[in-house]
C-alpha atoms as a PDB file:
ATOM      1  CA  MET A   1     110.201 163.443 110.251  1.00  0.00           C
ATOM      2  CA  SER A   2     111.821 164.152 106.895  1.00  0.00           C
ATOM      3  CA  ALA A   3     114.855 162.027 107.830  1.00  0.00           C
ATOM      4  CA  VAL A   4     112.561 159.045 108.351  1.00  0.00           C
ATOM      5  CA  LEU A   5     110.903 159.614 104.959  1.00  0.00           C
ATOM      6  CA  GLN A   6     114.308 159.913 103.255  1.00  0.00           C
ATOM      7  CA  PHE A   7     115.411 156.672 104.885  1.00  0.00           C
ATOM      8  CA  LEU A   8     112.235 154.842 103.851  1.00  0.00           C
ATOM      9  CA  LEU A   9     112.501 156.134 100.285  1.00  0.00           C
ATOM     10  CA  ALA A  10     116.166 155.105 100.004  1.00  0.00           C
ATOM     11  CA  PHE A  11     115.412 151.720 101.566  1.00  0.00           C
ATOM     12  CA  GLY A  12     112.522 151.182  99.147  1.00  0.00           C
ATOM     13  CA  ILE A  13     114.708 152.010  96.138  1.00  0.00           C
ATOM     14  CA  VAL A  14     117.468 149.635  97.280  1.00  0.00           C
ATOM     15  CA  LEU A  15     114.917 146.908  97.970  1.00  0.00           C
ATOM     16  CA  PHE A  16     113.376 147.415  94.519  1.00  0.00           C
ATOM     17  CA  PHE A  17     116.742 146.987  92.783  1.00  0.00           C
ATOM     18  CA  LEU A  18     117.582 143.913  94.867  1.00  0.00           C
ATOM     19  CA  LEU A  19     114.258 142.294  93.960  1.00  0.00           C
ATOM     20  CA  LEU A  20     114.772 143.210  90.304  1.00  0.00           C
ATOM     21  CA  ALA A  21     118.240 141.617  90.305  1.00  0.00           C
ATOM     22  CA  TYR A  22     116.870 138.514  92.053  1.00  0.00           C
ATOM     23  CA  TYR A  23     114.128 138.217  89.425  1.00  0.00           C
ATOM     24  CA  PHE A  24     116.587 138.360  86.521  1.00  0.00           C
ATOM     25  CA  VAL A  25     118.996 135.893  88.123  1.00  0.00           C
ATOM     26  CA  ARG A  26     116.231 133.377  88.856  1.00  0.00           C
ATOM     27  CA  ARG A  27     114.828 133.617  85.324  1.00  0.00           C
ATOM     28  CA  GLY A  28     118.247 133.003  83.806  1.00  0.00           C
ATOM     29  CA  PHE A  29     118.318 136.348  82.027  1.00  0.00           C
ATOM     30  CA  PHE A  30     122.111 136.514  82.192  1.00  0.00           C
ATOM     31  CA  SER A  31     122.757 132.877  81.273  1.00  0.00           C
ATOM     32  CA  GLN A  32     124.548 131.988  78.062  1.00  0.00           C
ATOM     33  CA  LYS A  33     121.951 130.151  76.050  1.00  0.00           C
ATOM     34  CA  GLY A  34     123.086 128.698  72.777  1.00  0.00           C
ATOM     35  CA  SER A  35     126.650 128.380  73.968  1.00  0.00           C
ATOM     36  CA  SER A  36     128.963 126.535  71.615  1.00  0.00           C
ATOM     37  CA  ILE A  37     130.706 124.665  74.469  1.00  0.00           C
ATOM     38  CA  SER A  38     128.931 121.998  76.531  1.00  0.00           C
ATOM     39  CA  ILE A  39     129.769 118.959  78.642  1.00  0.00           C
ATOM     40  CA  VAL A  40     128.154 115.884  77.087  1.00  0.00           C
ATOM     41  CA  GLU A  41     129.225 113.219  79.590  1.00  0.00           C
ATOM     42  CA  ARG A  42     131.123 113.299  82.874  1.00  0.00           C
ATOM     43  CA  HIS A  43     132.631 110.453  84.906  1.00  0.00           C
ATOM     44  CA  TYR A  44     134.158 111.151  88.315  1.00  0.00           C
ATOM     45  CA  LEU A  45     137.392 109.373  89.157  1.00  0.00           C
ATOM     46  CA  ASP A  46     137.862 111.075  92.492  1.00  0.00           C
ATOM     47  CA  ARG A  47     136.187 113.794  94.508  1.00  0.00           C
ATOM     48  CA  LYS A  48     137.985 116.521  92.534  1.00  0.00           C
ATOM     49  CA  THR A  49     138.942 114.624  89.363  1.00  0.00           C
ATOM     50  CA  PHE A  50     136.780 113.656  86.420  1.00  0.00           C
ATOM     51  CA  ILE A  51     136.955 112.729  82.759  1.00  0.00           C
ATOM     52  CA  ALA A  52     134.524 114.538  80.487  1.00  0.00           C
ATOM     53  CA  ILE A  53     133.429 114.483  76.875  1.00  0.00           C
ATOM     54  CA  VAL A  54     133.131 118.095  75.795  1.00  0.00           C
ATOM     55  CA  ARG A  55     131.467 119.400  72.649  1.00  0.00           C
ATOM     56  CA  VAL A  56     133.074 122.503  71.152  1.00  0.00           C
ATOM     57  CA  VAL A  57     130.984 123.661  68.180  1.00  0.00           C
ATOM     58  CA  ASP A  58     130.830 120.351  66.222  1.00  0.00           C
ATOM     59  CA  GLU A  59     133.967 118.653  67.579  1.00  0.00           C
ATOM     60  CA  TYR A  60     134.214 116.372  70.602  1.00  0.00           C
ATOM     61  CA  PHE A  61     137.132 116.097  73.031  1.00  0.00           C
ATOM     62  CA  VAL A  62     137.940 113.863  75.996  1.00  0.00           C
ATOM     63  CA  ILE A  63     139.415 115.969  78.779  1.00  0.00           C
ATOM     64  CA  LEU A  64     140.767 115.215  82.232  1.00  0.00           C
ATOM     65  CA  VAL A  65     139.846 117.828  84.829  1.00  0.00           C
ATOM     66  CA  THR A  66     141.664 118.030  88.158  1.00  0.00           C
ATOM     67  CA  ASP A  67     141.804 120.715  90.811  1.00  0.00           C
ATOM     68  CA  SER A  68     145.041 121.983  89.249  1.00  0.00           C
ATOM     69  CA  GLY A  69     143.734 122.287  85.674  1.00  0.00           C
ATOM     70  CA  ALA A  70     142.368 120.536  82.605  1.00  0.00           C
ATOM     71  CA  THR A  71     144.145 118.463  79.953  1.00  0.00           C
ATOM     72  CA  VAL A  72     142.848 117.389  76.556  1.00  0.00           C
ATOM     73  CA  LEU A  73     143.397 113.632  76.332  1.00  0.00           C
ATOM     74  CA  LYS A  74     142.018 112.956  72.874  1.00  0.00           C
ATOM     75  CA  LYS A  75     139.958 114.436  70.064  1.00  0.00           C
ATOM     76  CA  LEU A  76     137.079 112.138  69.138  1.00  0.00           C
ATOM     77  CA  GLU A  77     136.548 111.731  65.411  1.00  0.00           C
ATOM     78  CA  ASP A  78     133.311 109.734  65.251  1.00  0.00           C
ATOM     79  CA  TYR A  79     131.365 110.410  68.453  1.00  0.00           C
ATOM     80  CA  LYS A  80     127.553 110.372  68.357  1.00  0.00           C
ATOM     81  CA  GLU A  81     125.579 111.963  71.140  1.00  0.00           C
ATOM     82  CA  GLY A  82     123.108 109.524  72.598  1.00  0.00           C
ATOM     83  CA  GLU A  83     121.093 109.139  75.734  1.00  0.00           C
ATOM     84  CA  SER A  84     122.835 109.590  79.040  1.00  0.00           C
ATOM     85  CA  PHE A  85     123.625 106.613  81.220  1.00  0.00           C
ATOM     86  CA  SER A  86     121.170 107.703  83.916  1.00  0.00           C
ATOM     87  CA  SER A  87     118.243 108.024  81.492  1.00  0.00           C
ATOM     88  CA  ILE A  88     118.931 104.539  80.075  1.00  0.00           C
ATOM     89  CA  LEU A  89     119.197 103.111  83.603  1.00  0.00           C
ATOM     90  CA  PHE A  90     115.942 104.726  84.735  1.00  0.00           C
ATOM     91  CA  LYS A  91     114.151 103.374  81.654  1.00  0.00           C
ATOM     92  CA  LYS A  92     115.368  99.866  82.479  1.00  0.00           C
ATOM     93  CA  ILE A  93     114.295  99.997  86.123  1.00  0.00           C
ATOM     94  CA  GLY A  94     111.028 101.791  85.348  1.00  0.00           C
ATOM     95  CA  ARG A  95     111.657 105.126  87.063  1.00  0.00           C
ATOM     96  CA  ARG A  96     111.541 108.620  85.676  1.00  0.00           C
ATOM     97  CA  SER A  97     114.817 110.475  85.379  1.00  0.00           C
ATOM     98  CA  LYS A  98     115.307 113.724  87.285  1.00  0.00           C
END
């Protein structure tokens, strides 16, 4: 009987830690909020290739990302962040954006 109780206690402890980890992952506890690097716009050229405008602190760069790596194409000097293409499109056709 004591082997069954030991098993149930160990199983309960493992289950508790799994549920605790799941809770923190779902809440975004380990996410990097306030990161100084973000992708502003992205345009896919192919299934695995896209051009992106990336903000690093207060500077903007155009980069080409392929499955073999990323290349900085140009540093943008006077880029202003505006609304995304999809939000402008949904406003024009009268739908809410996702």
